[in-house]
Amino acid sequence: MRHYMSRVPKSIRSTQQILKGSNHILHSLYAQSQELRTIQQIVDGVLDVETSVASLKNNELTIVTRSGAVATRLRYRQRNLMNALRRAGIS
C-alpha cells in the first residue's frame, strides 16, 4: 500500500503567515491578544491579588476582580500599576 502526500497549493497559507500578515483581521486580533497578555503579566507582577485584564480601549484599561474588596486594594495600587505599564511602553 502506497501513501502519497498531496501537494499543498501555494494559495494555502500557514497559520503563522495569516497571524503575522499585515492585511488580515486575524493579525489585528493576534496583536491585541498579545498586548493584553503582556499587560496581564505586568498586572500580576505589581498586584498581589487575582485579577483578569478584560480590555484596553481608548487608553482605558478594564480589570476584573472577584470582589469589591479586591477592587479597593487594586485602587490603592493604581499608581504603581500605571507606572509599571508606562515603563513597559503601554500608555
N, C-alpha and C. Protein backbone atom coordinates (compact mmCIF):
# COMPACT_ATOMS: atom_id res chain seq x y z
N MET A 1 0.84 -1.17 0.00
CA MET A 1 0.00 0.00 0.00
C MET A 1 0.89 1.24 0.00
N ARG A 2 0.64 2.12 -0.91
CA ARG A 2 1.42 3.35 -1.00
C ARG A 2 0.59 4.54 -0.54
N HIS A 3 1.27 5.42 0.16
CA HIS A 3 0.63 6.66 0.59
C HIS A 3 1.31 7.81 -0.12
N TYR A 4 0.55 8.63 -0.72
CA TYR A 4 1.10 9.79 -1.40
C TYR A 4 0.73 11.04 -0.61
N MET A 5 1.71 11.87 -0.43
CA MET A 5 1.45 13.15 0.23
C MET A 5 0.94 14.11 -0.84
N SER A 6 -0.20 14.66 -0.60
CA SER A 6 -0.67 15.63 -1.58
C SER A 6 0.09 16.92 -1.43
N ARG A 7 0.24 17.55 -2.49
CA ARG A 7 0.96 18.81 -2.53
C ARG A 7 0.05 19.93 -2.04
N VAL A 8 0.58 20.77 -1.20
CA VAL A 8 -0.19 21.89 -0.67
C VAL A 8 -0.14 23.03 -1.69
N PRO A 9 -1.29 23.49 -2.12
CA PRO A 9 -1.30 24.61 -3.09
C PRO A 9 -0.63 25.85 -2.51
N LYS A 10 -0.01 26.62 -3.36
CA LYS A 10 0.68 27.84 -2.91
C LYS A 10 -0.28 28.87 -2.35
N SER A 11 -1.54 28.77 -2.73
CA SER A 11 -2.53 29.74 -2.23
C SER A 11 -2.87 29.48 -0.76
N ILE A 12 -2.55 28.31 -0.24
CA ILE A 12 -2.79 27.99 1.17
C ILE A 12 -1.66 28.59 2.00
N ARG A 13 -2.05 29.33 3.04
CA ARG A 13 -1.04 29.95 3.90
C ARG A 13 -1.03 29.28 5.26
N SER A 14 0.13 29.29 5.88
CA SER A 14 0.24 28.70 7.21
C SER A 14 -0.42 29.63 8.24
N THR A 15 -0.69 29.08 9.40
CA THR A 15 -1.29 29.86 10.48
C THR A 15 -0.40 31.05 10.83
N GLN A 16 0.91 30.82 10.90
CA GLN A 16 1.85 31.91 11.23
C GLN A 16 1.79 33.01 10.18
N GLN A 17 1.69 32.64 8.91
CA GLN A 17 1.61 33.65 7.85
C GLN A 17 0.34 34.48 8.00
N ILE A 18 -0.76 33.82 8.34
CA ILE A 18 -2.03 34.53 8.50
C ILE A 18 -1.98 35.46 9.71
N LEU A 19 -1.49 34.95 10.84
CA LEU A 19 -1.47 35.74 12.06
C LEU A 19 -0.51 36.92 11.97
N LYS A 20 0.57 36.77 11.23
CA LYS A 20 1.56 37.84 11.16
C LYS A 20 1.42 38.69 9.91
N GLY A 21 0.46 38.38 9.05
CA GLY A 21 0.22 39.17 7.86
C GLY A 21 -0.35 40.52 8.22
N SER A 22 0.03 41.54 7.48
CA SER A 22 -0.37 42.91 7.84
C SER A 22 -1.77 43.29 7.39
N ASN A 23 -2.36 42.56 6.48
CA ASN A 23 -3.67 42.97 5.95
C ASN A 23 -4.79 42.02 6.35
N HIS A 24 -4.63 41.34 7.41
CA HIS A 24 -5.65 40.37 7.79
C HIS A 24 -6.21 40.68 9.17
N ILE A 25 -7.49 40.48 9.33
CA ILE A 25 -8.16 40.75 10.61
C ILE A 25 -7.57 39.90 11.73
N LEU A 26 -7.14 38.70 11.41
CA LEU A 26 -6.55 37.85 12.45
C LEU A 26 -5.25 38.43 12.99
N HIS A 27 -4.52 39.13 12.14
CA HIS A 27 -3.30 39.79 12.61
C HIS A 27 -3.64 40.80 13.68
N SER A 28 -4.67 41.57 13.45
CA SER A 28 -5.10 42.58 14.42
C SER A 28 -5.52 41.93 15.74
N LEU A 29 -6.30 40.86 15.66
CA LEU A 29 -6.73 40.17 16.87
C LEU A 29 -5.56 39.54 17.60
N TYR A 30 -4.64 38.98 16.85
CA TYR A 30 -3.44 38.36 17.43
C TYR A 30 -2.61 39.41 18.17
N ALA A 31 -2.38 40.55 17.52
CA ALA A 31 -1.59 41.62 18.13
C ALA A 31 -2.27 42.13 19.40
N GLN A 32 -3.58 42.29 19.34
CA GLN A 32 -4.33 42.76 20.51
C GLN A 32 -4.25 41.75 21.66
N SER A 33 -4.37 40.48 21.35
CA SER A 33 -4.30 39.46 22.40
C SER A 33 -2.91 39.42 23.02
N GLN A 34 -1.88 39.62 22.22
CA GLN A 34 -0.51 39.64 22.75
C GLN A 34 -0.31 40.83 23.68
N GLU A 35 -0.87 41.98 23.30
CA GLU A 35 -0.77 43.17 24.15
C GLU A 35 -1.48 42.94 25.48
N LEU A 36 -2.68 42.36 25.45
CA LEU A 36 -3.42 42.09 26.69
C LEU A 36 -2.68 41.07 27.55
N ARG A 37 -2.05 40.13 26.92
CA ARG A 37 -1.26 39.13 27.65
C ARG A 37 -0.08 39.79 28.37
N THR A 38 0.59 40.70 27.68
CA THR A 38 1.70 41.43 28.28
C THR A 38 1.21 42.28 29.46
N ILE A 39 0.09 42.94 29.26
CA ILE A 39 -0.49 43.76 30.33
C ILE A 39 -0.83 42.88 31.53
N GLN A 40 -1.40 41.71 31.29
CA GLN A 40 -1.76 40.80 32.38
C GLN A 40 -0.52 40.40 33.17
N GLN A 41 0.58 40.16 32.49
CA GLN A 41 1.82 39.80 33.17
C GLN A 41 2.31 40.95 34.05
N ILE A 42 2.20 42.17 33.55
CA ILE A 42 2.62 43.34 34.33
C ILE A 42 1.71 43.50 35.55
N VAL A 43 0.41 43.38 35.33
CA VAL A 43 -0.56 43.50 36.43
C VAL A 43 -0.26 42.45 37.50
N ASP A 44 -0.03 41.22 37.07
CA ASP A 44 0.27 40.14 38.02
C ASP A 44 1.55 40.44 38.81
N GLY A 45 2.52 41.08 38.17
CA GLY A 45 3.77 41.41 38.85
C GLY A 45 3.64 42.53 39.86
N VAL A 46 2.70 43.44 39.63
CA VAL A 46 2.54 44.60 40.51
C VAL A 46 1.54 44.31 41.64
N LEU A 47 0.47 43.63 41.32
CA LEU A 47 -0.60 43.41 42.28
C LEU A 47 -0.46 42.05 42.95
N ASP A 48 -0.83 42.00 44.19
CA ASP A 48 -0.78 40.74 44.93
C ASP A 48 -2.17 40.11 45.06
N VAL A 49 -3.05 40.46 44.15
CA VAL A 49 -4.41 39.92 44.15
C VAL A 49 -4.71 39.32 42.78
N GLU A 50 -5.67 38.41 42.76
CA GLU A 50 -6.05 37.77 41.50
C GLU A 50 -6.97 38.69 40.71
N THR A 51 -6.54 39.02 39.49
CA THR A 51 -7.31 39.88 38.61
C THR A 51 -7.26 39.31 37.20
N SER A 52 -8.13 39.83 36.35
CA SER A 52 -8.11 39.48 34.93
C SER A 52 -8.20 40.77 34.12
N VAL A 53 -7.26 40.93 33.19
CA VAL A 53 -7.32 42.08 32.29
C VAL A 53 -8.39 41.77 31.26
N ALA A 54 -9.40 42.62 31.18
CA ALA A 54 -10.53 42.38 30.28
C ALA A 54 -10.36 43.08 28.94
N SER A 55 -9.91 44.34 28.97
CA SER A 55 -9.78 45.07 27.71
C SER A 55 -8.92 46.32 27.89
N LEU A 56 -8.44 46.80 26.77
CA LEU A 56 -7.75 48.09 26.70
C LEU A 56 -8.31 48.79 25.49
N LYS A 57 -9.09 49.82 25.75
CA LYS A 57 -9.75 50.54 24.66
C LYS A 57 -9.69 52.03 24.97
N ASN A 58 -9.23 52.82 24.00
CA ASN A 58 -9.12 54.27 24.16
C ASN A 58 -8.34 54.64 25.42
N ASN A 59 -7.23 53.95 25.64
CA ASN A 59 -6.36 54.17 26.80
C ASN A 59 -7.06 53.92 28.13
N GLU A 60 -8.13 53.15 28.12
CA GLU A 60 -8.83 52.79 29.35
C GLU A 60 -8.69 51.29 29.56
N LEU A 61 -8.02 50.93 30.65
CA LEU A 61 -7.78 49.54 30.97
C LEU A 61 -8.88 49.04 31.90
N THR A 62 -9.51 47.94 31.51
CA THR A 62 -10.55 47.34 32.34
C THR A 62 -9.99 46.07 32.97
N ILE A 63 -10.04 46.04 34.29
CA ILE A 63 -9.55 44.89 35.05
C ILE A 63 -10.71 44.34 35.87
N VAL A 64 -10.90 43.04 35.81
CA VAL A 64 -11.98 42.38 36.53
C VAL A 64 -11.41 41.74 37.79
N THR A 65 -12.14 41.92 38.90
CA THR A 65 -11.74 41.32 40.17
C THR A 65 -12.88 40.45 40.69
N ARG A 66 -12.59 39.65 41.69
CA ARG A 66 -13.61 38.74 42.21
C ARG A 66 -14.51 39.39 43.25
N SER A 67 -14.09 40.55 43.77
CA SER A 67 -14.93 41.19 44.80
C SER A 67 -14.62 42.68 44.87
N GLY A 68 -15.51 43.39 45.54
CA GLY A 68 -15.30 44.82 45.75
C GLY A 68 -14.09 45.10 46.61
N ALA A 69 -13.83 44.21 47.56
CA ALA A 69 -12.66 44.39 48.44
C ALA A 69 -11.37 44.31 47.63
N VAL A 70 -11.32 43.38 46.68
CA VAL A 70 -10.14 43.26 45.83
C VAL A 70 -10.02 44.49 44.93
N ALA A 71 -11.14 44.99 44.43
CA ALA A 71 -11.13 46.20 43.60
C ALA A 71 -10.59 47.39 44.40
N THR A 72 -10.94 47.48 45.66
CA THR A 72 -10.44 48.56 46.52
C THR A 72 -8.93 48.44 46.69
N ARG A 73 -8.43 47.23 46.92
CA ARG A 73 -6.99 47.03 47.04
C ARG A 73 -6.30 47.43 45.74
N LEU A 74 -6.93 47.11 44.61
CA LEU A 74 -6.37 47.47 43.31
C LEU A 74 -6.28 49.00 43.18
N ARG A 75 -7.30 49.69 43.62
CA ARG A 75 -7.28 51.17 43.54
C ARG A 75 -6.13 51.76 44.34
N TYR A 76 -5.82 51.16 45.48
CA TYR A 76 -4.70 51.65 46.28
C TYR A 76 -3.37 51.46 45.56
N ARG A 77 -3.28 50.46 44.72
CA ARG A 77 -2.04 50.16 43.98
C ARG A 77 -2.07 50.73 42.56
N GLN A 78 -3.09 51.50 42.23
CA GLN A 78 -3.28 52.01 40.87
C GLN A 78 -2.07 52.80 40.37
N ARG A 79 -1.52 53.66 41.19
CA ARG A 79 -0.37 54.48 40.78
C ARG A 79 0.83 53.60 40.43
N ASN A 80 1.10 52.59 41.26
CA ASN A 80 2.20 51.67 40.97
C ASN A 80 1.97 50.92 39.66
N LEU A 81 0.73 50.51 39.45
CA LEU A 81 0.39 49.79 38.23
C LEU A 81 0.57 50.68 37.00
N MET A 82 0.09 51.89 37.08
CA MET A 82 0.23 52.82 35.94
C MET A 82 1.70 53.09 35.63
N ASN A 83 2.51 53.26 36.66
CA ASN A 83 3.94 53.48 36.43
C ASN A 83 4.59 52.27 35.76
N ALA A 84 4.23 51.07 36.19
CA ALA A 84 4.79 49.85 35.60
C ALA A 84 4.38 49.72 34.13
N LEU A 85 3.14 50.06 33.83
CA LEU A 85 2.66 50.00 32.44
C LEU A 85 3.38 51.03 31.58
N ARG A 86 3.59 52.22 32.11
CA ARG A 86 4.32 53.25 31.36
C ARG A 86 5.75 52.82 31.08
N ARG A 87 6.40 52.24 32.10
CA ARG A 87 7.78 51.75 31.91
C ARG A 87 7.87 50.69 30.81
N ALA A 88 6.79 49.92 30.66
CA ALA A 88 6.76 48.87 29.64
C ALA A 88 6.34 49.42 28.28
N GLY A 89 6.05 50.73 28.22
CA GLY A 89 5.68 51.34 26.95
C GLY A 89 4.21 51.23 26.61
N ILE A 90 3.39 50.95 27.62
CA ILE A 90 1.95 50.85 27.42
C ILE A 90 1.33 52.08 28.04
N SER A 91 0.65 52.86 27.22
CA SER A 91 0.08 54.13 27.71
C SER A 91 -1.15 53.92 28.51
